[in-house]
C-alpha atoms as a PDB file:
ATOM      1  CA  MET A   1      96.761 133.932  88.841  1.00  0.00           C
ATOM      2  CA  ARG A   2      97.055 132.139  92.214  1.00  0.00           C
ATOM      3  CA  ARG A   3      95.485 135.131  94.004  1.00  0.00           C
ATOM      4  CA  ALA A   4      92.503 134.996  91.620  1.00  0.00           C
ATOM      5  CA  LEU A   5      92.064 131.262  92.265  1.00  0.00           C
ATOM      6  CA  ILE A   6      92.315 131.799  96.025  1.00  0.00           C
ATOM      7  CA  ARG A   7      89.643 134.505  95.826  1.00  0.00           C
ATOM      8  CA  MET A   8      87.339 132.135  93.902  1.00  0.00           C
ATOM      9  CA  PHE A   9      87.997 128.871  95.789  1.00  0.00           C
ATOM     10  CA  GLY A  10      89.252 129.965  99.224  1.00  0.00           C
ATOM     11  CA  ASP A  11      92.659 130.236 100.829  1.00  0.00           C
ATOM     12  CA  ASP A  12      93.185 126.462 101.031  1.00  0.00           C
ATOM     13  CA  PHE A  13      93.151 126.104  97.217  1.00  0.00           C
ATOM     14  CA  GLY A  14      95.964 123.812  96.100  1.00  0.00           C
ATOM     15  CA  GLN A  15      96.527 122.297  99.544  1.00  0.00           C
ATOM     16  CA  THR A  16      96.249 118.588 100.218  1.00  0.00           C
ATOM     17  CA  SER A  17      93.463 117.306 102.475  1.00  0.00           C
ATOM     18  CA  LEU A  18      96.128 116.724 105.151  1.00  0.00           C
ATOM     19  CA  GLU A  19      97.162 120.390 105.016  1.00  0.00           C
ATOM     20  CA  ARG A  20      93.539 121.590 105.063  1.00  0.00           C
ATOM     21  CA  GLN A  21      92.700 119.418 108.098  1.00  0.00           C
ATOM     22  CA  ASP A  22      95.811 120.639 109.913  1.00  0.00           C
ATOM     23  CA  ALA A  23      95.231 124.287 109.076  1.00  0.00           C
ATOM     24  CA  HIS A  24      91.581 124.300 110.126  1.00  0.00           C
ATOM     25  CA  SER A  25      91.660 122.169 113.266  1.00  0.00           C
ATOM     26  CA  GLY A  26      95.135 122.872 114.603  1.00  0.00           C
ATOM     27  CA  LEU A  27      95.924 119.170 115.018  1.00  0.00           C
ATOM     28  CA  PHE A  28      95.876 116.322 112.516  1.00  0.00           C
ATOM     29  CA  MET A  29      95.352 112.677 113.466  1.00  0.00           C
ATOM     30  CA  PRO A  30      96.536 110.246 110.762  1.00  0.00           C
ATOM     31  CA  VAL A  31      94.619 106.955 110.671  1.00  0.00           C
ATOM     32  CA  ASP A  32      94.628 103.557 109.006  1.00  0.00           C
ATOM     33  CA  ILE A  33      91.329 101.700 108.566  1.00  0.00           C
ATOM     34  CA  ALA A  34      91.203  97.961 107.872  1.00  0.00           C
ATOM     35  CA  GLU A  35      88.257  95.645 107.291  1.00  0.00           C
ATOM     36  CA  SER A  36      87.890  91.908 107.732  1.00  0.00           C
ATOM     37  CA  GLY A  37      84.793  89.744 107.497  1.00  0.00           C
ATOM     38  CA  GLU A  38      84.220  90.213 111.229  1.00  0.00           C
ATOM     39  CA  GLU A  39      85.209  93.809 112.031  1.00  0.00           C
ATOM     40  CA  PHE A  40      86.653  97.185 111.135  1.00  0.00           C
ATOM     41  CA  VAL A  41      89.847  98.328 112.855  1.00  0.00           C
ATOM     42  CA  VAL A  42      90.785 102.015 113.091  1.00  0.00           C
ATOM     43  CA  THR A  43      94.394 102.693 114.079  1.00  0.00           C
ATOM     44  CA  ALA A  44      95.273 106.320 114.866  1.00  0.00           C
ATOM     45  CA  GLU A  45      98.529 108.071 115.775  1.00  0.00           C
ATOM     46  CA  LEU A  46      98.101 110.236 118.867  1.00  0.00           C
ATOM     47  CA  PRO A  47     101.572 110.565 120.405  1.00  0.00           C
ATOM     48  CA  GLY A  48     101.978 112.353 123.699  1.00  0.00           C
ATOM     49  CA  MET A  49      98.340 112.050 124.712  1.00  0.00           C
ATOM     50  CA  SER A  50      96.716 110.222 127.570  1.00  0.00           C
ATOM     51  CA  PRO A  51      93.590 108.066 127.122  1.00  0.00           C
ATOM     52  CA  GLU A  52      91.653 110.525 129.312  1.00  0.00           C
ATOM     53  CA  ASP A  53      92.153 113.202 126.619  1.00  0.00           C
ATOM     54  CA  ILE A  54      90.545 111.064 123.882  1.00  0.00           C
ATOM     55  CA  LYS A  55      86.803 110.558 123.354  1.00  0.00           C
ATOM     56  CA  ILE A  56      85.334 107.876 121.068  1.00  0.00           C
ATOM     57  CA  THR A  57      81.647 107.775 120.149  1.00  0.00           C
ATOM     58  CA  VAL A  58      79.745 105.364 117.923  1.00  0.00           C
ATOM     59  CA  VAL A  59      76.341 106.245 116.460  1.00  0.00           C
ATOM     60  CA  ASP A  60      74.799 103.958 113.848  1.00  0.00           C
ATOM     61  CA  ASN A  61      77.628 103.200 111.382  1.00  0.00           C
ATOM     62  CA  GLN A  62      79.772 106.207 112.291  1.00  0.00           C
ATOM     63  CA  VAL A  63      82.675 106.433 114.730  1.00  0.00           C
ATOM     64  CA  THR A  64      84.036 109.784 115.899  1.00  0.00           C
ATOM     65  CA  ILE A  65      87.411 110.187 117.578  1.00  0.00           C
ATOM     66  CA  GLU A  66      88.033 113.537 119.200  1.00  0.00           C
ATOM     67  CA  GLY A  67      90.177 115.120 121.844  1.00  0.00           C
ATOM     68  CA  GLN A  68      92.584 117.851 122.695  1.00  0.00           C
ATOM     69  CA  ARG A  69      96.333 118.034 123.040  1.00  0.00           C
ATOM     70  CA  GLU A  70      97.367 120.714 125.500  1.00  0.00           C
ATOM     71  CA  GLN A  71     100.455 122.782 124.868  1.00  0.00           C
ATOM     72  CA  GLU A  72     103.182 122.120 127.381  1.00  0.00           C
ATOM     73  CA  LEU A  73     104.086 125.376 129.049  1.00  0.00           C
ATOM     74  CA  GLU A  74     107.641 125.260 130.188  1.00  0.00           C
ATOM     75  CA  GLU A  75     110.361 127.827 130.592  1.00  0.00           C
ATOM     76  CA  LYS A  76     112.766 127.601 127.699  1.00  0.00           C
ATOM     77  CA  HIS A  77     116.136 129.246 127.531  1.00  0.00           C
ATOM     78  CA  GLY A  78     116.770 131.205 124.358  1.00  0.00           C
ATOM     79  CA  ASN A  79     114.562 131.745 121.343  1.00  0.00           C
ATOM     80  CA  CYS A  80     112.605 128.954 119.696  1.00  0.00           C
ATOM     81  CA  LEU A  81     114.144 128.393 116.268  1.00  0.00           C
ATOM     82  CA  ARG A  82     111.474 126.053 114.925  1.00  0.00           C
ATOM     83  CA  SER A  83     108.157 124.769 116.265  1.00  0.00           C
ATOM     84  CA  GLU A  84     106.319 122.084 114.269  1.00  0.00           C
ATOM     85  CA  ARG A  85     104.360 120.313 116.986  1.00  0.00           C
ATOM     86  CA  ARG A  86     100.628 121.031 116.899  1.00  0.00           C
ATOM     87  CA  PHE A  87      98.337 121.579 119.841  1.00  0.00           C
ATOM     88  CA  GLY A  88      94.614 122.029 120.092  1.00  0.00           C
ATOM     89  CA  ARG A  89      91.376 120.179 119.410  1.00  0.00           C
ATOM     90  CA  PHE A  90      90.860 117.514 116.804  1.00  0.00           C
ATOM     91  CA  SER A  91      87.889 115.506 115.602  1.00  0.00           C
ATOM     92  CA  ARG A  92      87.565 112.922 112.843  1.00  0.00           C
ATOM     93  CA  SER A  93      84.517 110.879 111.891  1.00  0.00           C
ATOM     94  CA  PHE A  94      84.286 107.804 109.701  1.00  0.00           C
ATOM     95  CA  VAL A  95      81.148 106.193 108.277  1.00  0.00           C
ATOM     96  CA  PHE A  96      81.298 102.445 107.643  1.00  0.00           C
ATOM     97  CA  SER A  97      79.518 100.497 104.917  1.00  0.00           C
ATOM     98  CA  SER A  98      78.247  97.780 107.281  1.00  0.00           C
ATOM     99  CA  PRO A  99      76.279  98.050 110.533  1.00  0.00           C
ATOM    100  CA  ILE A 100      78.451  98.147 113.672  1.00  0.00           C
ATOM    101  CA  ASP A 101      77.668  96.176 116.841  1.00  0.00           C
ATOM    102  CA  ASP A 102      78.124  99.136 119.196  1.00  0.00           C
ATOM    103  CA  THR A 103      77.827  96.905 122.296  1.00  0.00           C
ATOM    104  CA  GLU A 104      81.100  95.146 121.387  1.00  0.00           C
ATOM    105  CA  VAL A 105      83.287  98.118 120.336  1.00  0.00           C
ATOM    106  CA  SER A 106      86.641  98.182 122.135  1.00  0.00           C
ATOM    107  CA  ALA A 107      89.612 100.542 122.205  1.00  0.00           C
ATOM    108  CA  SER A 108      93.213 100.293 123.388  1.00  0.00           C
ATOM    109  CA  TYR A 109      96.017 102.848 123.569  1.00  0.00           C
ATOM    110  CA  LYS A 110      99.722 102.017 123.740  1.00  0.00           C
ATOM    111  CA  ASN A 111     102.864 103.978 122.828  1.00  0.00           C
ATOM    112  CA  GLY A 112     100.867 106.779 121.185  1.00  0.00           C
ATOM    113  CA  ILE A 113      98.787 104.439 119.006  1.00  0.00           C
ATOM    114  CA  LEU A 114      95.019 104.215 119.471  1.00  0.00           C
ATOM    115  CA  GLU A 115      93.317 101.085 118.146  1.00  0.00           C
ATOM    116  CA  VAL A 116      89.519 100.954 117.915  1.00  0.00           C
ATOM    117  CA  ARG A 117      87.897  97.615 117.054  1.00  0.00           C
ATOM    118  CA  LEU A 118      84.387  97.871 115.609  1.00  0.00           C
ATOM    119  CA  PRO A 119      82.775  94.435 115.201  1.00  0.00           C
ATOM    120  CA  LYS A 120      80.165  94.123 112.485  1.00  0.00           C
ATOM    121  CA  SER A 121      76.661  93.277 113.596  1.00  0.00           C
ATOM    122  CA  GLU A 122      75.555  89.686 112.969  1.00  0.00           C
ATOM    123  CA  GLY A 123      73.383  90.662 110.007  1.00  0.00           C
ATOM    124  CA  ALA A 124      76.329  92.362 108.287  1.00  0.00           C
ATOM    125  CA  LYS A 125      78.819  89.478 108.532  1.00  0.00           C
ATOM    126  CA  ALA A 126      79.404  87.451 105.410  1.00  0.00           C
ATOM    127  CA  LYS A 127      77.904  83.987 105.510  1.00  0.00           C
ATOM    128  CA  GLN A 128      79.083  81.034 103.443  1.00  0.00           C
ATOM    129  CA  ILE A 129      76.155  79.341 101.739  1.00  0.00           C
ATOM    130  CA  GLU A 130      76.498  75.619 101.153  1.00  0.00           C
ATOM    131  CA  ILE A 131      75.275  74.379  97.809  1.00  0.00           C
ATOM    132  CA  ARG A 132      73.322  71.161  98.026  1.00  0.00           C
ATOM    133  CA  THR A 133      73.283  68.615  95.263  1.00  0.00           C
ATOM    134  CA  GLU A 134      70.242  66.476  94.578  1.00  0.00           C
END
């Protein structure tokens, strides 16, 4: 039965989106996205990378984070019993519901955590309207 479903829907049938991303790109980058009235904040786990290996682009309301983690080639003694670390290229894009002020976007990287701050453009920020009484 599973083979028939795989033939109809592809070999990633039954996998989670995390497993599909990992299987197709070689490297998965988990993220958290938060929104306040002023900005969006994307926090991504990228352990073992340097900022020079990460590229961030913003076009309209979309941010793309991409890069590559190189495999460390070192002489090991004995056979590898288990290897779970992933290497290779990754790319993730996120579209936001409000316009982004791309002139004020900032990014920081510390201890394997990338934080991208995407301020909303002035027209997209919520404004409190005062009600006048007559």
